[in-house]
Amino acid sequence: IAVVRRADGSGTTFLFTNYLSKVNPEWKSKIGEGTAVNWPTGAGGKGNEGVSAFVQRLPNSIGYVEYAYAKQNKQTHVSMRNATGAYVQPSDVAFKAAAAGADWAKSFYQVLTEQPGKDAWPITGATFIMMHAKQDKPGQATQALKFFDWAYTGGDKMADDLDYVPMPDSVKTVIRQSWSKITDGAGKPVAVK
């Protein structure tokens, strides 16, 4: 089997190598995890499109790309064994199950690989938006939070249309609750509405 991996650093590589580090002690000790690693083998493609092109050209090859890219390009995918031992296919249900298994109240920085749950896809990731807790431009912070509120209220269909998975409502609730911790220079919460 010909291995194809990313030649450039990426969040996709971080998730893939984080997963491999969790399920394979030898991988963890010899290669580890990161946005870029010292790959022991394989052809390197730049971006999802580079990996995909190599996999399409090389007989008997395997590679990794983000789900939306694979789905939009009608690429073959595999079933994978998750943390509970169940074999699952990548799907909205499997990604939501992984997100639902994380303890979002503890921290929003959650790496969603190997989450508990019989339906959870083992290599799932969330995209983060970070804001300073103390804002020196509270008006701009308010506008940003209004945008996020709009996205969480009406953006699920747009995410679905782009083959991305919206966060579960329970996670959106925890995120919205955290907004009260974003303050102006005087310590007053910035307005969201």
N, C-alpha and C. Protein backbone atom coordinates (compact mmCIF):
# COMPACT_ATOMS: atom_id res chain seq x y z
N ILE A 1 0.86 -1.18 0.00
CA ILE A 1 0.00 0.00 0.00
C ILE A 1 0.89 1.23 0.00
N ALA A 2 0.63 2.14 -0.92
CA ALA A 2 1.38 3.40 -0.99
C ALA A 2 0.73 4.42 -0.06
N VAL A 3 1.52 5.00 0.82
CA VAL A 3 1.02 5.98 1.78
C VAL A 3 1.18 7.39 1.21
N VAL A 4 0.12 8.18 1.31
CA VAL A 4 0.15 9.58 0.89
C VAL A 4 -0.21 10.42 2.10
N ARG A 5 0.62 11.43 2.37
CA ARG A 5 0.40 12.30 3.53
C ARG A 5 0.65 13.74 3.12
N ARG A 6 0.35 14.66 4.01
CA ARG A 6 0.54 16.08 3.71
C ARG A 6 2.02 16.43 3.70
N ALA A 7 2.42 17.26 2.75
CA ALA A 7 3.79 17.77 2.71
C ALA A 7 3.90 19.07 3.49
N ASP A 8 2.76 19.73 3.68
CA ASP A 8 2.71 21.00 4.40
C ASP A 8 2.08 20.78 5.78
N GLY A 9 2.28 21.73 6.67
CA GLY A 9 1.65 21.64 7.98
C GLY A 9 0.17 21.93 7.88
N SER A 10 -0.63 21.25 8.70
CA SER A 10 -2.07 21.46 8.63
C SER A 10 -2.77 20.97 9.88
N GLY A 11 -3.95 21.50 10.09
CA GLY A 11 -4.80 21.01 11.18
C GLY A 11 -5.24 19.58 10.92
N THR A 12 -5.43 19.23 9.65
CA THR A 12 -5.80 17.86 9.30
C THR A 12 -4.71 16.89 9.74
N THR A 13 -3.45 17.26 9.50
CA THR A 13 -2.34 16.42 9.94
C THR A 13 -2.29 16.35 11.46
N PHE A 14 -2.54 17.47 12.14
CA PHE A 14 -2.57 17.43 13.60
C PHE A 14 -3.60 16.43 14.09
N LEU A 15 -4.82 16.47 13.56
CA LEU A 15 -5.86 15.55 14.02
C LEU A 15 -5.49 14.10 13.73
N PHE A 16 -4.98 13.85 12.52
CA PHE A 16 -4.61 12.49 12.14
C PHE A 16 -3.49 11.95 13.03
N THR A 17 -2.44 12.74 13.24
CA THR A 17 -1.32 12.26 14.06
C THR A 17 -1.68 12.22 15.54
N ASN A 18 -2.58 13.09 15.99
CA ASN A 18 -3.06 13.02 17.37
C ASN A 18 -3.80 11.70 17.58
N TYR A 19 -4.65 11.35 16.63
CA TYR A 19 -5.37 10.07 16.69
C TYR A 19 -4.38 8.90 16.71
N LEU A 20 -3.42 8.90 15.78
CA LEU A 20 -2.44 7.81 15.74
C LEU A 20 -1.66 7.71 17.04
N SER A 21 -1.34 8.85 17.65
CA SER A 21 -0.61 8.86 18.92
C SER A 21 -1.45 8.29 20.06
N LYS A 22 -2.75 8.44 19.98
CA LYS A 22 -3.64 7.90 21.02
C LYS A 22 -3.83 6.39 20.89
N VAL A 23 -3.81 5.88 19.67
CA VAL A 23 -4.11 4.45 19.48
C VAL A 23 -2.87 3.59 19.27
N ASN A 24 -1.70 4.21 19.09
CA ASN A 24 -0.50 3.44 18.81
C ASN A 24 0.69 4.00 19.60
N PRO A 25 1.07 3.34 20.69
CA PRO A 25 2.17 3.84 21.52
C PRO A 25 3.49 3.99 20.75
N GLU A 26 3.74 3.11 19.80
CA GLU A 26 4.99 3.21 19.03
C GLU A 26 4.98 4.48 18.17
N TRP A 27 3.83 4.78 17.54
CA TRP A 27 3.72 6.02 16.77
C TRP A 27 3.96 7.21 17.67
N LYS A 28 3.34 7.19 18.84
CA LYS A 28 3.47 8.31 19.78
C LYS A 28 4.92 8.54 20.18
N SER A 29 5.65 7.47 20.47
CA SER A 29 7.03 7.62 20.95
C SER A 29 8.02 7.95 19.83
N LYS A 30 7.77 7.47 18.63
CA LYS A 30 8.73 7.66 17.54
C LYS A 30 8.43 8.87 16.65
N ILE A 31 7.15 9.18 16.45
CA ILE A 31 6.78 10.24 15.52
C ILE A 31 6.01 11.35 16.22
N GLY A 32 5.04 10.97 17.00
CA GLY A 32 4.27 11.95 17.76
C GLY A 32 3.18 12.62 16.95
N GLU A 33 2.75 13.77 17.46
CA GLU A 33 1.65 14.50 16.84
C GLU A 33 2.07 15.93 16.56
N GLY A 34 1.41 16.53 15.59
CA GLY A 34 1.67 17.93 15.28
C GLY A 34 1.07 18.31 13.95
N THR A 35 1.13 19.59 13.64
CA THR A 35 0.65 20.04 12.33
C THR A 35 1.59 19.58 11.22
N ALA A 36 2.82 19.28 11.59
CA ALA A 36 3.81 18.70 10.68
C ALA A 36 4.66 17.75 11.51
N VAL A 37 4.93 16.58 10.98
CA VAL A 37 5.77 15.59 11.67
C VAL A 37 6.81 15.06 10.69
N ASN A 38 7.80 14.37 11.23
CA ASN A 38 8.82 13.75 10.40
C ASN A 38 8.29 12.38 9.97
N TRP A 39 7.60 12.37 8.85
CA TRP A 39 6.95 11.16 8.37
C TRP A 39 7.99 10.08 8.04
N PRO A 40 7.75 8.85 8.45
CA PRO A 40 8.70 7.78 8.16
C PRO A 40 8.62 7.27 6.72
N THR A 41 7.53 7.58 6.04
CA THR A 41 7.33 7.08 4.68
C THR A 41 6.27 7.91 3.98
N GLY A 42 6.10 7.65 2.72
CA GLY A 42 4.98 8.22 1.99
C GLY A 42 5.32 9.37 1.08
N ALA A 43 4.45 9.55 0.09
CA ALA A 43 4.54 10.68 -0.82
C ALA A 43 3.81 11.86 -0.19
N GLY A 44 4.38 13.05 -0.31
CA GLY A 44 3.76 14.23 0.29
C GLY A 44 3.03 15.07 -0.73
N GLY A 45 1.76 15.35 -0.44
CA GLY A 45 0.97 16.23 -1.29
C GLY A 45 0.66 17.52 -0.55
N LYS A 46 0.61 18.63 -1.28
CA LYS A 46 0.32 19.91 -0.65
C LYS A 46 -1.19 20.13 -0.58
N GLY A 47 -1.69 20.28 0.61
CA GLY A 47 -3.12 20.50 0.81
C GLY A 47 -3.93 19.25 0.56
N ASN A 48 -5.23 19.38 0.83
CA ASN A 48 -6.14 18.26 0.56
C ASN A 48 -6.09 17.87 -0.91
N GLU A 49 -6.00 18.89 -1.78
CA GLU A 49 -6.00 18.61 -3.22
C GLU A 49 -4.75 17.84 -3.64
N GLY A 50 -3.61 18.12 -3.03
CA GLY A 50 -2.38 17.40 -3.36
C GLY A 50 -2.42 15.95 -2.91
N VAL A 51 -2.91 15.72 -1.70
CA VAL A 51 -3.05 14.34 -1.20
C VAL A 51 -4.03 13.58 -2.09
N SER A 52 -5.15 14.21 -2.38
CA SER A 52 -6.18 13.58 -3.21
C SER A 52 -5.64 13.22 -4.59
N ALA A 53 -4.90 14.13 -5.21
CA ALA A 53 -4.35 13.88 -6.55
C ALA A 53 -3.39 12.69 -6.53
N PHE A 54 -2.54 12.62 -5.51
CA PHE A 54 -1.61 11.48 -5.39
C PHE A 54 -2.38 10.18 -5.24
N VAL A 55 -3.38 10.16 -4.38
CA VAL A 55 -4.16 8.94 -4.14
C VAL A 55 -4.85 8.50 -5.43
N GLN A 56 -5.35 9.44 -6.20
CA GLN A 56 -6.01 9.09 -7.46
C GLN A 56 -5.03 8.54 -8.49
N ARG A 57 -3.78 9.01 -8.47
CA ARG A 57 -2.78 8.58 -9.46
C ARG A 57 -2.03 7.31 -9.06
N LEU A 58 -1.80 7.12 -7.77
CA LEU A 58 -0.99 5.99 -7.32
C LEU A 58 -1.87 4.76 -7.07
N PRO A 59 -1.59 3.65 -7.75
CA PRO A 59 -2.36 2.44 -7.48
C PRO A 59 -2.15 1.98 -6.03
N ASN A 60 -3.19 1.42 -5.46
CA ASN A 60 -3.12 0.84 -4.10
C ASN A 60 -2.64 1.84 -3.06
N SER A 61 -3.12 3.05 -3.12
CA SER A 61 -2.66 4.07 -2.18
C SER A 61 -3.76 4.45 -1.20
N ILE A 62 -3.31 5.06 -0.11
CA ILE A 62 -4.22 5.52 0.93
C ILE A 62 -3.70 6.86 1.45
N GLY A 63 -4.61 7.75 1.78
CA GLY A 63 -4.23 9.06 2.30
C GLY A 63 -5.33 9.60 3.20
N TYR A 64 -5.16 10.81 3.66
CA TYR A 64 -6.17 11.44 4.53
C TYR A 64 -6.43 12.86 4.06
N VAL A 65 -7.69 13.22 4.03
CA VAL A 65 -8.13 14.58 3.72
C VAL A 65 -9.32 14.89 4.62
N GLU A 66 -9.69 16.16 4.69
CA GLU A 66 -10.85 16.49 5.51
C GLU A 66 -12.12 15.95 4.84
N TYR A 67 -13.11 15.66 5.66
CA TYR A 67 -14.34 15.03 5.20
C TYR A 67 -15.03 15.83 4.09
N ALA A 68 -15.18 17.13 4.27
CA ALA A 68 -15.89 17.94 3.27
C ALA A 68 -15.22 17.80 1.91
N TYR A 69 -13.90 17.81 1.88
CA TYR A 69 -13.17 17.68 0.61
C TYR A 69 -13.43 16.31 -0.01
N ALA A 70 -13.34 15.26 0.81
CA ALA A 70 -13.57 13.91 0.30
C ALA A 70 -14.99 13.76 -0.23
N LYS A 71 -15.96 14.27 0.50
CA LYS A 71 -17.36 14.14 0.09
C LYS A 71 -17.63 14.91 -1.20
N GLN A 72 -17.16 16.15 -1.26
CA GLN A 72 -17.41 16.97 -2.45
C GLN A 72 -16.73 16.40 -3.69
N ASN A 73 -15.65 15.66 -3.50
CA ASN A 73 -14.92 15.07 -4.62
C ASN A 73 -15.23 13.59 -4.81
N LYS A 74 -16.26 13.12 -4.11
CA LYS A 74 -16.76 11.74 -4.24
C LYS A 74 -15.65 10.71 -4.08
N GLN A 75 -14.85 10.90 -3.04
CA GLN A 75 -13.75 9.98 -2.79
C GLN A 75 -14.18 8.85 -1.85
N THR A 76 -13.56 7.72 -2.03
CA THR A 76 -13.83 6.56 -1.19
C THR A 76 -13.29 6.81 0.21
N HIS A 77 -14.01 6.30 1.20
CA HIS A 77 -13.55 6.42 2.57
C HIS A 77 -13.66 5.06 3.26
N VAL A 78 -13.13 4.98 4.45
CA VAL A 78 -13.10 3.72 5.18
C VAL A 78 -14.00 3.79 6.41
N SER A 79 -14.34 2.62 6.92
CA SER A 79 -14.92 2.53 8.26
C SER A 79 -13.75 2.46 9.22
N MET A 80 -13.91 3.05 10.39
CA MET A 80 -12.84 3.01 11.39
C MET A 80 -13.39 2.55 12.72
N ARG A 81 -12.53 1.88 13.47
CA ARG A 81 -12.90 1.45 14.81
C ARG A 81 -12.72 2.63 15.76
N ASN A 82 -13.75 2.93 16.53
CA ASN A 82 -13.67 4.06 17.45
C ASN A 82 -13.29 3.60 18.86
N ALA A 83 -13.32 4.51 19.79
CA ALA A 83 -12.86 4.24 21.16
C ALA A 83 -13.67 3.15 21.85
N THR A 84 -14.92 2.94 21.44
CA THR A 84 -15.75 1.90 22.06
C THR A 84 -15.59 0.55 21.37
N GLY A 85 -14.85 0.52 20.25
CA GLY A 85 -14.67 -0.71 19.50
C GLY A 85 -15.66 -0.87 18.35
N ALA A 86 -16.58 0.07 18.22
CA ALA A 86 -17.55 0.02 17.12
C ALA A 86 -16.90 0.54 15.84
N TYR A 87 -17.32 -0.03 14.72
CA TYR A 87 -16.85 0.45 13.42
C TYR A 87 -17.87 1.45 12.88
N VAL A 88 -17.39 2.62 12.52
CA VAL A 88 -18.27 3.70 12.08
C VAL A 88 -17.79 4.28 10.76
N GLN A 89 -18.72 4.88 10.05
CA GLN A 89 -18.44 5.60 8.81
C GLN A 89 -18.40 7.09 9.13
N PRO A 90 -17.64 7.87 8.38
CA PRO A 90 -17.69 9.32 8.60
C PRO A 90 -19.06 9.84 8.17
N SER A 91 -19.68 10.62 9.03
CA SER A 91 -21.01 11.17 8.74
C SER A 91 -21.31 12.29 9.72
N ASP A 92 -22.35 13.06 9.42
CA ASP A 92 -22.78 14.11 10.34
C ASP A 92 -23.07 13.53 11.72
N VAL A 93 -23.75 12.39 11.74
CA VAL A 93 -24.11 11.76 13.02
C VAL A 93 -22.86 11.40 13.81
N ALA A 94 -21.86 10.84 13.12
CA ALA A 94 -20.62 10.43 13.80
C ALA A 94 -19.82 11.62 14.30
N PHE A 95 -19.80 12.71 13.54
CA PHE A 95 -19.06 13.91 13.98
C PHE A 95 -19.77 14.57 15.16
N LYS A 96 -21.10 14.64 15.09
CA LYS A 96 -21.86 15.22 16.20
C LYS A 96 -21.70 14.38 17.46
N ALA A 97 -21.65 13.06 17.30
CA ALA A 97 -21.46 12.19 18.46
C ALA A 97 -20.10 12.44 19.11
N ALA A 98 -19.08 12.68 18.31
CA ALA A 98 -17.75 12.99 18.86
C ALA A 98 -17.79 14.32 19.61
N ALA A 99 -18.44 15.32 19.04
CA ALA A 99 -18.53 16.63 19.70
C ALA A 99 -19.34 16.53 20.99
N ALA A 100 -20.38 15.71 20.97
CA ALA A 100 -21.22 15.57 22.17
C ALA A 100 -20.48 14.85 23.29
N GLY A 101 -19.45 14.07 22.96
CA GLY A 101 -18.71 13.33 23.98
C GLY A 101 -17.68 14.16 24.73
N ALA A 102 -17.42 15.37 24.28
CA ALA A 102 -16.40 16.22 24.92
C ALA A 102 -16.99 16.99 26.09
N ASP A 103 -16.14 17.34 27.04
CA ASP A 103 -16.57 18.15 28.19
C ASP A 103 -16.30 19.62 27.88
N TRP A 104 -17.23 20.26 27.18
CA TRP A 104 -17.07 21.63 26.73
C TRP A 104 -17.11 22.62 27.88
N ALA A 105 -17.75 22.25 28.99
CA ALA A 105 -17.82 23.17 30.13
C ALA A 105 -16.44 23.35 30.75
N LYS A 106 -15.60 22.34 30.65
CA LYS A 106 -14.25 22.39 31.21
C LYS A 106 -13.36 23.33 30.40
N SER A 107 -13.46 23.22 29.08
CA SER A 107 -12.61 24.02 28.19
C SER A 107 -13.16 23.94 26.78
N PHE A 108 -13.02 25.03 26.03
CA PHE A 108 -13.43 24.99 24.63
C PHE A 108 -12.35 24.39 23.75
N TYR A 109 -11.13 24.30 24.25
CA TYR A 109 -10.06 23.68 23.47
C TYR A 109 -10.18 22.17 23.66
N GLN A 110 -10.90 21.54 22.76
CA GLN A 110 -11.11 20.11 22.82
C GLN A 110 -10.59 19.48 21.53
N VAL A 111 -9.72 18.52 21.68
CA VAL A 111 -9.30 17.71 20.54
C VAL A 111 -10.25 16.52 20.52
N LEU A 112 -11.00 16.38 19.47
CA LEU A 112 -12.11 15.43 19.44
C LEU A 112 -11.75 14.06 18.88
N THR A 113 -10.47 13.70 18.93
CA THR A 113 -10.09 12.36 18.49
C THR A 113 -10.36 11.37 19.62
N GLU A 114 -10.80 10.17 19.23
CA GLU A 114 -11.06 9.08 20.17
C GLU A 114 -12.02 9.47 21.31
N GLN A 115 -13.07 10.17 20.96
CA GLN A 115 -14.09 10.52 21.95
C GLN A 115 -14.95 9.30 22.27
N PRO A 116 -15.52 9.26 23.48
CA PRO A 116 -16.41 8.15 23.82
C PRO A 116 -17.70 8.22 23.00
N GLY A 117 -18.38 7.11 22.91
CA GLY A 117 -19.66 7.06 22.21
C GLY A 117 -19.61 6.07 21.07
N LYS A 118 -20.60 5.20 21.02
CA LYS A 118 -20.59 4.14 20.01
C LYS A 118 -20.69 4.66 18.58
N ASP A 119 -21.24 5.87 18.41
CA ASP A 119 -21.39 6.43 17.07
C ASP A 119 -20.30 7.44 16.72
N ALA A 120 -19.37 7.72 17.62
CA ALA A 120 -18.38 8.79 17.43
C ALA A 120 -17.32 8.41 16.40
N TRP A 121 -17.10 9.30 15.42
CA TRP A 121 -16.01 9.13 14.46
C TRP A 121 -14.71 9.44 15.20
N PRO A 122 -13.69 8.58 15.08
CA PRO A 122 -12.49 8.73 15.91
C PRO A 122 -11.54 9.87 15.54
N ILE A 123 -11.69 10.45 14.35
CA ILE A 123 -10.80 11.55 13.95
C ILE A 123 -11.66 12.76 13.61
N THR A 124 -12.14 13.42 14.65
CA THR A 124 -13.01 14.58 14.49
C THR A 124 -12.32 15.81 15.06
N GLY A 125 -12.54 16.95 14.45
CA GLY A 125 -11.95 18.19 14.96
C GLY A 125 -12.94 19.33 14.90
N ALA A 126 -12.73 20.30 15.75
CA ALA A 126 -13.54 21.52 15.76
C ALA A 126 -12.65 22.69 15.37
N THR A 127 -13.25 23.68 14.74
CA THR A 127 -12.54 24.90 14.40
C THR A 127 -12.78 25.91 15.50
N PHE A 128 -11.73 26.60 15.91
CA PHE A 128 -11.81 27.52 17.04
C PHE A 128 -11.74 28.96 16.58
N ILE A 129 -12.47 29.80 17.29
CA ILE A 129 -12.35 31.25 17.15
C ILE A 129 -12.02 31.76 18.54
N MET A 130 -10.94 32.48 18.64
CA MET A 130 -10.50 32.95 19.96
C MET A 130 -10.68 34.46 20.06
N MET A 131 -11.09 34.89 21.25
CA MET A 131 -11.22 36.32 21.53
C MET A 131 -10.57 36.60 22.88
N HIS A 132 -9.99 37.77 23.01
CA HIS A 132 -9.45 38.17 24.30
C HIS A 132 -10.59 38.34 25.29
N ALA A 133 -10.38 37.92 26.52
CA ALA A 133 -11.41 38.07 27.55
C ALA A 133 -11.63 39.53 27.89
N LYS A 134 -10.58 40.33 27.81
CA LYS A 134 -10.69 41.76 28.09
C LYS A 134 -10.50 42.50 26.77
N GLN A 135 -11.52 43.25 26.37
CA GLN A 135 -11.53 43.91 25.07
C GLN A 135 -11.25 45.40 25.20
N ASP A 136 -10.30 45.90 24.41
CA ASP A 136 -10.05 47.34 24.40
C ASP A 136 -10.91 48.04 23.34
N LYS A 137 -11.59 47.25 22.50
CA LYS A 137 -12.53 47.79 21.51
C LYS A 137 -13.85 47.03 21.66
N PRO A 138 -14.60 47.34 22.72
CA PRO A 138 -15.82 46.57 23.02
C PRO A 138 -16.86 46.62 21.91
N GLY A 139 -16.92 47.70 21.16
CA GLY A 139 -17.88 47.77 20.05
C GLY A 139 -17.60 46.71 19.00
N GLN A 140 -16.32 46.51 18.70
CA GLN A 140 -15.95 45.48 17.73
C GLN A 140 -16.22 44.09 18.29
N ALA A 141 -15.98 43.91 19.59
CA ALA A 141 -16.27 42.62 20.22
C ALA A 141 -17.76 42.33 20.16
N THR A 142 -18.58 43.35 20.40
CA THR A 142 -20.03 43.18 20.32
C THR A 142 -20.43 42.74 18.92
N GLN A 143 -19.87 43.38 17.90
CA GLN A 143 -20.20 43.01 16.52
C GLN A 143 -19.78 41.57 16.23
N ALA A 144 -18.62 41.17 16.71
CA ALA A 144 -18.16 39.79 16.50
C ALA A 144 -19.11 38.81 17.17
N LEU A 145 -19.50 39.09 18.41
CA LEU A 145 -20.41 38.20 19.13
C LEU A 145 -21.78 38.16 18.47
N LYS A 146 -22.23 39.28 17.94
CA LYS A 146 -23.50 39.29 17.20
C LYS A 146 -23.41 38.39 15.97
N PHE A 147 -22.26 38.43 15.30
CA PHE A 147 -22.07 37.55 14.14
C PHE A 147 -22.12 36.09 14.57
N PHE A 148 -21.41 35.75 15.65
CA PHE A 148 -21.42 34.36 16.12
C PHE A 148 -22.82 33.93 16.53
N ASP A 149 -23.56 34.84 17.18
CA ASP A 149 -24.93 34.53 17.58
C ASP A 149 -25.79 34.26 16.34
N TRP A 150 -25.62 35.10 15.32
CA TRP A 150 -26.34 34.89 14.06
C TRP A 150 -25.96 33.54 13.45
N ALA A 151 -24.68 33.21 13.42
CA ALA A 151 -24.22 31.95 12.83
C ALA A 151 -24.78 30.76 13.59
N TYR A 152 -24.79 30.84 14.92
CA TYR A 152 -25.32 29.74 15.71
C TYR A 152 -26.84 29.64 15.61
N THR A 153 -27.51 30.76 15.36
CA THR A 153 -28.96 30.75 15.25
C THR A 153 -29.42 30.27 13.87
N GLY A 154 -28.78 30.75 12.82
CA GLY A 154 -29.26 30.43 11.48
C GLY A 154 -28.24 29.85 10.53
N GLY A 155 -27.06 29.51 11.01
CA GLY A 155 -26.00 29.07 10.12
C GLY A 155 -25.89 27.58 9.90
N ASP A 156 -26.69 26.78 10.61
CA ASP A 156 -26.55 25.33 10.49
C ASP A 156 -26.74 24.85 9.05
N LYS A 157 -27.72 25.38 8.35
CA LYS A 157 -27.97 24.94 6.98
C LYS A 157 -26.78 25.29 6.08
N MET A 158 -26.21 26.48 6.29
CA MET A 158 -25.04 26.86 5.47
C MET A 158 -23.88 25.90 5.73
N ALA A 159 -23.66 25.56 6.99
CA ALA A 159 -22.60 24.60 7.32
C ALA A 159 -22.88 23.26 6.64
N ASP A 160 -24.13 22.80 6.74
CA ASP A 160 -24.51 21.55 6.08
C ASP A 160 -24.27 21.62 4.57
N ASP A 161 -24.65 22.73 3.96
CA ASP A 161 -24.49 22.89 2.51
C ASP A 161 -23.02 22.84 2.09
N LEU A 162 -22.12 23.21 3.00
CA LEU A 162 -20.68 23.18 2.72
C LEU A 162 -20.04 21.87 3.18
N ASP A 163 -20.88 20.93 3.63
CA ASP A 163 -20.44 19.62 4.13
C ASP A 163 -19.63 19.71 5.41
N TYR A 164 -19.94 20.73 6.21
CA TYR A 164 -19.39 20.83 7.56
C TYR A 164 -20.53 20.55 8.53
N VAL A 165 -20.19 20.25 9.75
CA VAL A 165 -21.19 19.85 10.73
C VAL A 165 -21.33 20.94 11.79
N PRO A 166 -22.54 21.46 11.97
CA PRO A 166 -22.75 22.45 13.02
C PRO A 166 -22.50 21.85 14.40
N MET A 167 -22.13 22.70 15.33
CA MET A 167 -21.95 22.24 16.70
C MET A 167 -23.31 21.85 17.27
N PRO A 168 -23.36 20.85 18.15
CA PRO A 168 -24.63 20.50 18.80
C PRO A 168 -25.17 21.69 19.59
N ASP A 169 -26.50 21.75 19.72
CA ASP A 169 -27.13 22.86 20.45
C ASP A 169 -26.60 22.97 21.87
N SER A 170 -26.32 21.85 22.50
CA SER A 170 -25.81 21.89 23.88
C SER A 170 -24.46 22.61 23.95
N VAL A 171 -23.64 22.45 22.93
CA VAL A 171 -22.34 23.12 22.88
C VAL A 171 -22.53 24.61 22.61
N LYS A 172 -23.44 24.94 21.71
CA LYS A 172 -23.73 26.35 21.43
C LYS A 172 -24.19 27.07 22.70
N THR A 173 -24.99 26.39 23.51
CA THR A 173 -25.46 26.99 24.76
C THR A 173 -24.30 27.30 25.69
N VAL A 174 -23.38 26.38 25.85
CA VAL A 174 -22.21 26.60 26.72
C VAL A 174 -21.36 27.75 26.18
N ILE A 175 -21.20 27.81 24.87
CA ILE A 175 -20.41 28.89 24.26
C ILE A 175 -21.09 30.24 24.52
N ARG A 176 -22.38 30.30 24.28
CA ARG A 176 -23.10 31.57 24.52
C ARG A 176 -22.98 32.01 25.98
N GLN A 177 -23.04 31.06 26.89
CA GLN A 177 -22.91 31.40 28.31
C GLN A 177 -21.54 31.98 28.62
N SER A 178 -20.53 31.56 27.89
CA SER A 178 -19.17 32.05 28.14
C SER A 178 -18.99 33.50 27.70
N TRP A 179 -19.85 34.00 26.85
CA TRP A 179 -19.71 35.35 26.34
C TRP A 179 -19.79 36.40 27.44
N SER A 180 -20.45 36.09 28.54
CA SER A 180 -20.56 37.06 29.64
C SER A 180 -19.20 37.33 30.28
N LYS A 181 -18.23 36.48 30.01
CA LYS A 181 -16.87 36.66 30.56
C LYS A 181 -16.03 37.60 29.69
N ILE A 182 -16.54 37.99 28.54
CA ILE A 182 -15.82 38.92 27.66
C ILE A 182 -16.23 40.33 28.08
N THR A 183 -15.25 41.09 28.55
CA THR A 183 -15.54 42.39 29.14
C THR A 183 -14.80 43.53 28.46
N ASP A 184 -15.27 44.75 28.75
CA ASP A 184 -14.56 45.93 28.28
C ASP A 184 -13.46 46.28 29.29
N GLY A 185 -12.78 47.38 29.08
CA GLY A 185 -11.68 47.78 29.95
C GLY A 185 -12.08 48.01 31.39
N ALA A 186 -13.36 48.32 31.64
CA ALA A 186 -13.84 48.56 33.00
C ALA A 186 -14.36 47.29 33.67
N GLY A 187 -14.30 46.17 32.94
CA GLY A 187 -14.76 44.91 33.51
C GLY A 187 -16.24 44.62 33.28
N LYS A 188 -16.90 45.45 32.50
CA LYS A 188 -18.32 45.28 32.20
C LYS A 188 -18.46 44.35 30.99
N PRO A 189 -19.36 43.34 31.07
CA PRO A 189 -19.54 42.46 29.91
C PRO A 189 -19.94 43.26 28.66
N VAL A 190 -19.36 42.88 27.53
CA VAL A 190 -19.73 43.55 26.29
C VAL A 190 -21.13 43.11 25.90
N ALA A 191 -21.86 44.00 25.25
CA ALA A 191 -23.23 43.69 24.85
C ALA A 191 -23.22 42.73 23.67
N VAL A 192 -24.17 41.80 23.67
CA VAL A 192 -24.30 40.88 22.55
C VAL A 192 -25.51 41.25 21.71
N LYS A 193 -26.57 41.66 22.32
CA LYS A 193 -27.82 41.96 21.60
C LYS A 193 -27.91 43.43 21.29
